[in-house]
């Protein structure tokens, strides 16, 4: 089980930003996501306590660390590692999305702590990918994470993989089919479809990191693990629908969807059909 750090969001910010979207009520996925809106004027004096990626969506002007001049905040994702920070003032009402990844998820992904990594220099080739992941996390959170926490967790791992890419040697060692480890993880998924499956829980069954697990699933099934989980839920739902006599809402809950509506949305997206179309079909 991933440990949740004691986070003090926006300590040192006056006034506090308005929270528009948040996952802080769910502490199990190894990450936290928020969309905030800053007041028109304010001051800050703070430092990051964990891996944080922020992306300001609207014009914002900041005078930081003794500068006399307000400068426009860059409109691309900004990485902060523990100890990074500063003090100053801001002007402008602006929305910012923030992803924080807990240390335990980083260790579960890479097999080593954040302290082992040097801070990377992000460039244009990183920004597009990071923005894409942040947009996908934002959309999943807005929708209520209908397929469970594995999706947001997988997207957070995607962010980590962009920031800290594998070296060639590590990639070669991991790019090998491993049917035994895959079978352990697949059996665990089948036995726990009703639960809100997390990637770290699945990876633990084969004693591998999340990134290694993702490669195993891609090689064995052609799918990343979070999509494999959704597909298995749909397959089980179809089996139950064809069996008859069970309400679709009960089936949705039995296979791990948060509601009938969310299950239907997954059917439309992946099967291009609605659940009721599988009744009495072979």
Foldseek 3Di string as FASTA:
>chain_A
DDDADDDDPQVFKPPDWAWDFWDVVDRPQQKIKTKTKHDQKIKGDDWDQAWKKKAWDDWKWWQWDPRPDTDTDDRFIDIHGGGDDTITMMGDTIMMMMMGGHQRLVCLAPVDGPVVDDFDDDDPVLGVLLVVLSVVLVVCRVVVVQLASQVNSVSVSVNVCSRPPDDPVVVVVLQDADVVLVVQLVVVLLVPQLDRDHQSVSCVSSPHGSNSQQNNCCVPPVDGVSVVSLVSLLVQLLVVQQVDDDDLQVSCNRRHGPGSVSNQVSCCVPVVDGSNVSHPDD
